[in-house]
Amino acid sequence: MLWDLAATTIVFGLSVPIAWLSPTAALWTWLLLIPAKITSGRGLRSAMRSGSAP
């Protein structure tokens, strides 16, 4: 769950300076959330199966 929140924060943080150069490119950086959310979802499911999830 921490990775899920961190990924959102990192992508947002990256999109802010990019927006100064190109607002359209900054919007496209949000697509990085798709693989990040998929990855964090797999990690959470794996942790739940092994019993180490909170």
C-alpha atoms as a PDB file:
ATOM      1  CA  MET A   1       0.000   0.000   0.000  1.00  0.00           C
ATOM      2  CA  LEU A   2       2.914   2.328   0.710  1.00  0.00           C
ATOM      3  CA  TRP A   3       4.246   1.769  -2.814  1.00  0.00           C
ATOM      4  CA  ASP A   4       0.830   2.672  -4.229  1.00  0.00           C
ATOM      5  CA  LEU A   5       0.847   6.040  -2.453  1.00  0.00           C
ATOM      6  CA  ALA A   6       4.508   6.662  -3.240  1.00  0.00           C
ATOM      7  CA  ALA A   7       3.996   5.958  -6.946  1.00  0.00           C
ATOM      8  CA  THR A   8       1.206   8.523  -7.149  1.00  0.00           C
ATOM      9  CA  THR A   9       3.323  11.103  -5.338  1.00  0.00           C
ATOM     10  CA  ILE A  10       6.358  10.454  -7.533  1.00  0.00           C
ATOM     11  CA  VAL A  11       4.396  10.711 -10.779  1.00  0.00           C
ATOM     12  CA  PHE A  12       2.755  13.923  -9.628  1.00  0.00           C
ATOM     13  CA  GLY A  13       6.132  15.319  -8.565  1.00  0.00           C
ATOM     14  CA  LEU A  14       7.583  14.511 -11.979  1.00  0.00           C
ATOM     15  CA  SER A  15       4.680  16.036 -13.860  1.00  0.00           C
ATOM     16  CA  VAL A  16       4.965  19.448 -12.175  1.00  0.00           C
ATOM     17  CA  PRO A  17       8.357  20.460 -13.650  1.00  0.00           C
ATOM     18  CA  ILE A  18       7.451  18.820 -16.961  1.00  0.00           C
ATOM     19  CA  ALA A  19       4.330  21.007 -17.075  1.00  0.00           C
ATOM     20  CA  TRP A  20       6.551  24.100 -17.193  1.00  0.00           C
ATOM     21  CA  LEU A  21       8.019  22.835 -20.447  1.00  0.00           C
ATOM     22  CA  SER A  22       4.963  21.197 -21.960  1.00  0.00           C
ATOM     23  CA  PRO A  23       1.556  20.910 -20.292  1.00  0.00           C
ATOM     24  CA  THR A  24       0.557  18.197 -22.743  1.00  0.00           C
ATOM     25  CA  ALA A  25       3.630  16.115 -21.910  1.00  0.00           C
ATOM     26  CA  ALA A  26       2.832  16.495 -18.216  1.00  0.00           C
ATOM     27  CA  LEU A  27      -0.595  15.000 -18.811  1.00  0.00           C
ATOM     28  CA  TRP A  28       0.986  12.038 -20.570  1.00  0.00           C
ATOM     29  CA  THR A  29       3.253  11.359 -17.588  1.00  0.00           C
ATOM     30  CA  TRP A  30       0.140  10.353 -15.658  1.00  0.00           C
ATOM     31  CA  LEU A  31       0.043   7.250 -17.856  1.00  0.00           C
ATOM     32  CA  LEU A  32       3.006   6.050 -15.798  1.00  0.00           C
ATOM     33  CA  LEU A  33       0.505   5.359 -13.038  1.00  0.00           C
ATOM     34  CA  ILE A  34      -0.972   2.450 -14.980  1.00  0.00           C
ATOM     35  CA  PRO A  35       2.058   0.135 -14.676  1.00  0.00           C
ATOM     36  CA  ALA A  36       2.755   1.435 -11.171  1.00  0.00           C
ATOM     37  CA  LYS A  37      -0.758   0.596  -9.978  1.00  0.00           C
ATOM     38  CA  ILE A  38      -0.647  -2.821 -11.645  1.00  0.00           C
ATOM     39  CA  THR A  39       2.689  -3.558  -9.982  1.00  0.00           C
ATOM     40  CA  SER A  40       1.508  -2.438  -6.549  1.00  0.00           C
ATOM     41  CA  GLY A  41      -1.662  -4.491  -6.913  1.00  0.00           C
ATOM     42  CA  ARG A  42       0.346  -7.622  -7.654  1.00  0.00           C
ATOM     43  CA  GLY A  43       2.597  -6.978  -4.676  1.00  0.00           C
ATOM     44  CA  LEU A  44      -0.370  -6.529  -2.348  1.00  0.00           C
ATOM     45  CA  ARG A  45      -2.041  -9.717  -3.551  1.00  0.00           C
ATOM     46  CA  SER A  46       1.219 -11.623  -3.097  1.00  0.00           C
ATOM     47  CA  ALA A  47       1.660 -10.270   0.437  1.00  0.00           C
ATOM     48  CA  MET A  48      -1.898 -11.184   1.333  1.00  0.00           C
ATOM     49  CA  ARG A  49      -1.387 -14.757   0.122  1.00  0.00           C
ATOM     50  CA  SER A  50       1.787 -15.161   2.163  1.00  0.00           C
ATOM     51  CA  GLY A  51       0.172 -13.649   5.262  1.00  0.00           C
ATOM     52  CA  SER A  52       2.527 -10.673   5.597  1.00  0.00           C
ATOM     53  CA  ALA A  53      -0.027  -7.993   4.674  1.00  0.00           C
ATOM     54  CA  PRO A  54      -1.381  -5.821   7.495  1.00  0.00           C
END
